[in-house]
Amino acid sequence: MDPALWPAFLKWCAIFNYGLLLLGFVAFVMFHEPMYRLHRRWFKLSAARFDATAYLLFGLYKIAIWILIIVPYLVLCFVRHTPYS
């Protein structure tokens, strides 16, 4: 893969992953009760614990997107526009 294509690739990865994160959050908000009832059958979860776990996972996914995709994208954009010494 051509190194010049990495910033564009990472940009589209970030857009796709943020879209997936947004879709998951919207599904969580819209279908909270059915998802809670389903998971309550499998695990002994209170509603507060279910919500806390979901928000933890959303947060971890968001941090992973930043660390693994957005920060490398910004570094590559910075390096590309910085003259070499």
N, C-alpha and C. Protein backbone atom coordinates (compact mmCIF):
# COMPACT_ATOMS: atom_id res chain seq x y z
N MET A 1 0.84 -1.18 0.00
CA MET A 1 0.00 0.00 0.00
C MET A 1 0.89 1.24 0.00
N ASP A 2 0.53 2.19 -0.82
CA ASP A 2 1.27 3.43 -0.93
C ASP A 2 1.15 4.22 0.37
N PRO A 3 2.27 4.64 0.97
CA PRO A 3 2.21 5.39 2.23
C PRO A 3 1.40 6.68 2.15
N ALA A 4 1.27 7.24 0.96
CA ALA A 4 0.49 8.47 0.82
C ALA A 4 -1.01 8.22 1.01
N LEU A 5 -1.43 6.97 0.91
CA LEU A 5 -2.85 6.64 1.06
C LEU A 5 -3.27 6.42 2.51
N TRP A 6 -2.31 6.29 3.43
CA TRP A 6 -2.65 6.00 4.82
C TRP A 6 -3.53 7.06 5.47
N PRO A 7 -3.26 8.35 5.30
CA PRO A 7 -4.16 9.33 5.93
C PRO A 7 -5.61 9.21 5.46
N ALA A 8 -5.81 9.01 4.18
CA ALA A 8 -7.18 8.86 3.66
C ALA A 8 -7.82 7.59 4.21
N PHE A 9 -7.05 6.52 4.27
CA PHE A 9 -7.57 5.27 4.82
C PHE A 9 -7.98 5.43 6.28
N LEU A 10 -7.12 6.07 7.07
CA LEU A 10 -7.44 6.27 8.48
C LEU A 10 -8.62 7.22 8.66
N LYS A 11 -8.73 8.21 7.80
CA LYS A 11 -9.87 9.13 7.88
C LYS A 11 -11.18 8.37 7.67
N TRP A 12 -11.22 7.51 6.66
CA TRP A 12 -12.44 6.75 6.40
C TRP A 12 -12.70 5.71 7.48
N CYS A 13 -11.65 5.16 8.05
CA CYS A 13 -11.82 4.24 9.19
C CYS A 13 -12.45 4.99 10.37
N ALA A 14 -11.99 6.20 10.63
CA ALA A 14 -12.55 6.98 11.73
C ALA A 14 -14.01 7.33 11.47
N ILE A 15 -14.33 7.73 10.26
CA ILE A 15 -15.72 8.06 9.93
C ILE A 15 -16.60 6.84 10.09
N PHE A 16 -16.16 5.70 9.58
CA PHE A 16 -16.94 4.46 9.69
C PHE A 16 -17.14 4.06 11.16
N ASN A 17 -16.06 4.11 11.95
CA ASN A 17 -16.15 3.70 13.35
C ASN A 17 -17.00 4.66 14.18
N TYR A 18 -16.91 5.96 13.92
CA TYR A 18 -17.78 6.89 14.63
C TYR A 18 -19.24 6.70 14.23
N GLY A 19 -19.48 6.37 12.96
CA GLY A 19 -20.83 6.04 12.53
C GLY A 19 -21.36 4.81 13.24
N LEU A 20 -20.51 3.81 13.37
CA LEU A 20 -20.88 2.59 14.09
C LEU A 20 -21.15 2.88 15.56
N LEU A 21 -20.32 3.72 16.16
CA LEU A 21 -20.53 4.12 17.55
C LEU A 21 -21.86 4.87 17.71
N LEU A 22 -22.14 5.78 16.81
CA LEU A 22 -23.40 6.53 16.85
C LEU A 22 -24.60 5.62 16.65
N LEU A 23 -24.49 4.69 15.71
CA LEU A 23 -25.57 3.74 15.46
C LEU A 23 -25.83 2.88 16.70
N GLY A 24 -24.76 2.41 17.34
CA GLY A 24 -24.91 1.62 18.56
C GLY A 24 -25.55 2.42 19.68
N PHE A 25 -25.15 3.67 19.83
CA PHE A 25 -25.73 4.51 20.88
C PHE A 25 -27.20 4.79 20.62
N VAL A 26 -27.54 5.09 19.37
CA VAL A 26 -28.95 5.33 19.02
C VAL A 26 -29.78 4.07 19.26
N ALA A 27 -29.25 2.91 18.88
CA ALA A 27 -29.96 1.65 19.13
C ALA A 27 -30.11 1.41 20.63
N PHE A 28 -29.09 1.75 21.41
CA PHE A 28 -29.17 1.59 22.86
C PHE A 28 -30.25 2.48 23.45
N VAL A 29 -30.33 3.71 22.99
CA VAL A 29 -31.33 4.64 23.50
C VAL A 29 -32.73 4.23 23.06
N MET A 30 -32.88 3.85 21.80
CA MET A 30 -34.21 3.52 21.28
C MET A 30 -34.74 2.18 21.80
N PHE A 31 -33.85 1.21 21.95
CA PHE A 31 -34.27 -0.13 22.33
C PHE A 31 -33.74 -0.53 23.69
N HIS A 32 -33.66 0.42 24.59
CA HIS A 32 -33.09 0.17 25.91
C HIS A 32 -33.84 -0.93 26.65
N GLU A 33 -35.14 -0.81 26.75
CA GLU A 33 -35.92 -1.80 27.52
C GLU A 33 -35.85 -3.20 26.94
N PRO A 34 -36.06 -3.38 25.63
CA PRO A 34 -35.94 -4.75 25.08
C PRO A 34 -34.55 -5.35 25.27
N MET A 35 -33.51 -4.53 25.10
CA MET A 35 -32.15 -5.04 25.30
C MET A 35 -31.92 -5.39 26.76
N TYR A 36 -32.44 -4.57 27.66
CA TYR A 36 -32.27 -4.85 29.08
C TYR A 36 -33.00 -6.13 29.47
N ARG A 37 -34.22 -6.30 28.99
CA ARG A 37 -34.97 -7.53 29.30
C ARG A 37 -34.25 -8.77 28.78
N LEU A 38 -33.70 -8.68 27.57
CA LEU A 38 -32.97 -9.80 26.99
C LEU A 38 -31.75 -10.16 27.82
N HIS A 39 -30.98 -9.15 28.20
CA HIS A 39 -29.76 -9.42 28.98
C HIS A 39 -30.08 -9.81 30.42
N ARG A 40 -31.19 -9.33 30.93
CA ARG A 40 -31.59 -9.71 32.29
C ARG A 40 -31.93 -11.20 32.37
N ARG A 41 -32.39 -11.78 31.26
CA ARG A 41 -32.65 -13.22 31.24
C ARG A 41 -31.36 -14.03 31.36
N TRP A 42 -30.30 -13.54 30.76
CA TRP A 42 -29.04 -14.26 30.74
C TRP A 42 -28.19 -14.00 31.98
N PHE A 43 -28.22 -12.76 32.45
CA PHE A 43 -27.38 -12.35 33.57
C PHE A 43 -28.23 -11.68 34.63
N LYS A 44 -27.79 -11.73 35.86
CA LYS A 44 -28.49 -11.03 36.94
C LYS A 44 -27.98 -9.59 36.97
N LEU A 45 -28.64 -8.73 36.22
CA LEU A 45 -28.21 -7.34 36.09
C LEU A 45 -29.32 -6.40 36.56
N SER A 46 -28.93 -5.39 37.30
CA SER A 46 -29.87 -4.31 37.58
C SER A 46 -29.84 -3.35 36.39
N ALA A 47 -30.83 -2.51 36.29
CA ALA A 47 -30.88 -1.53 35.20
C ALA A 47 -29.70 -0.57 35.28
N ALA A 48 -29.34 -0.18 36.50
CA ALA A 48 -28.20 0.74 36.66
C ALA A 48 -26.89 0.08 36.22
N ARG A 49 -26.72 -1.18 36.54
CA ARG A 49 -25.49 -1.89 36.15
C ARG A 49 -25.45 -2.08 34.63
N PHE A 50 -26.61 -2.40 34.05
CA PHE A 50 -26.69 -2.54 32.60
C PHE A 50 -26.31 -1.24 31.90
N ASP A 51 -26.86 -0.12 32.38
CA ASP A 51 -26.53 1.18 31.79
C ASP A 51 -25.06 1.52 31.97
N ALA A 52 -24.53 1.28 33.16
CA ALA A 52 -23.12 1.59 33.42
C ALA A 52 -22.20 0.76 32.53
N THR A 53 -22.54 -0.50 32.34
CA THR A 53 -21.72 -1.36 31.48
C THR A 53 -21.78 -0.88 30.03
N ALA A 54 -22.96 -0.52 29.58
CA ALA A 54 -23.10 -0.04 28.20
C ALA A 54 -22.30 1.25 27.99
N TYR A 55 -22.43 2.19 28.92
CA TYR A 55 -21.68 3.44 28.78
C TYR A 55 -20.17 3.21 28.88
N LEU A 56 -19.75 2.26 29.69
CA LEU A 56 -18.33 1.91 29.77
C LEU A 56 -17.84 1.40 28.42
N LEU A 57 -18.61 0.51 27.81
CA LEU A 57 -18.20 -0.04 26.52
C LEU A 57 -18.20 1.02 25.42
N PHE A 58 -19.21 1.90 25.44
CA PHE A 58 -19.20 3.01 24.47
C PHE A 58 -17.97 3.89 24.67
N GLY A 59 -17.64 4.17 25.91
CA GLY A 59 -16.46 4.99 26.20
C GLY A 59 -15.17 4.34 25.79
N LEU A 60 -15.03 3.05 26.07
CA LEU A 60 -13.81 2.33 25.67
C LEU A 60 -13.67 2.28 24.15
N TYR A 61 -14.78 2.08 23.47
CA TYR A 61 -14.74 2.06 22.01
C TYR A 61 -14.33 3.42 21.45
N LYS A 62 -14.85 4.48 22.06
CA LYS A 62 -14.49 5.83 21.64
C LYS A 62 -13.00 6.11 21.88
N ILE A 63 -12.50 5.71 23.02
CA ILE A 63 -11.07 5.89 23.32
C ILE A 63 -10.22 5.09 22.34
N ALA A 64 -10.66 3.87 22.01
CA ALA A 64 -9.91 3.04 21.05
C ALA A 64 -9.88 3.70 19.68
N ILE A 65 -10.99 4.29 19.27
CA ILE A 65 -11.01 5.00 17.98
C ILE A 65 -10.00 6.14 17.99
N TRP A 66 -9.97 6.89 19.08
CA TRP A 66 -9.02 8.01 19.17
C TRP A 66 -7.58 7.52 19.15
N ILE A 67 -7.28 6.53 19.98
CA ILE A 67 -5.89 6.09 20.11
C ILE A 67 -5.40 5.36 18.87
N LEU A 68 -6.24 4.52 18.29
CA LEU A 68 -5.80 3.66 17.20
C LEU A 68 -6.03 4.24 15.81
N ILE A 69 -6.90 5.24 15.68
CA ILE A 69 -7.20 5.74 14.34
C ILE A 69 -6.97 7.25 14.22
N ILE A 70 -7.58 8.03 15.09
CA ILE A 70 -7.54 9.49 14.92
C ILE A 70 -6.16 10.06 15.23
N VAL A 71 -5.54 9.62 16.31
CA VAL A 71 -4.19 10.13 16.63
C VAL A 71 -3.18 9.77 15.55
N PRO A 72 -3.14 8.52 15.06
CA PRO A 72 -2.22 8.24 13.94
C PRO A 72 -2.53 9.07 12.69
N TYR A 73 -3.81 9.31 12.43
CA TYR A 73 -4.19 10.15 11.29
C TYR A 73 -3.63 11.56 11.45
N LEU A 74 -3.80 12.14 12.64
CA LEU A 74 -3.29 13.49 12.89
C LEU A 74 -1.77 13.54 12.79
N VAL A 75 -1.10 12.52 13.30
CA VAL A 75 0.37 12.48 13.21
C VAL A 75 0.81 12.40 11.76
N LEU A 76 0.17 11.55 10.98
CA LEU A 76 0.54 11.44 9.57
C LEU A 76 0.28 12.74 8.82
N CYS A 77 -0.82 13.41 9.14
CA CYS A 77 -1.08 14.71 8.50
C CYS A 77 -0.04 15.75 8.91
N PHE A 78 0.36 15.73 10.18
CA PHE A 78 1.37 16.67 10.66
C PHE A 78 2.72 16.38 10.01
N VAL A 79 3.11 15.13 9.95
CA VAL A 79 4.41 14.76 9.37
C VAL A 79 4.43 15.07 7.88
N ARG A 80 3.30 14.87 7.22
CA ARG A 80 3.25 15.12 5.78
C ARG A 80 3.46 16.59 5.46
N HIS A 81 3.02 17.47 6.35
CA HIS A 81 3.13 18.91 6.10
C HIS A 81 4.32 19.56 6.80
N THR A 82 5.15 18.77 7.44
CA THR A 82 6.33 19.29 8.12
C THR A 82 7.55 19.02 7.22
N PRO A 83 8.33 20.05 6.93
CA PRO A 83 9.54 19.82 6.14
C PRO A 83 10.56 19.02 6.93
N TYR A 84 11.22 18.12 6.24
CA TYR A 84 12.23 17.27 6.90
C TYR A 84 13.52 18.06 7.07
N SER A 85 14.19 17.81 8.17
CA SER A 85 15.44 18.53 8.44
C SER A 85 16.60 17.87 7.76
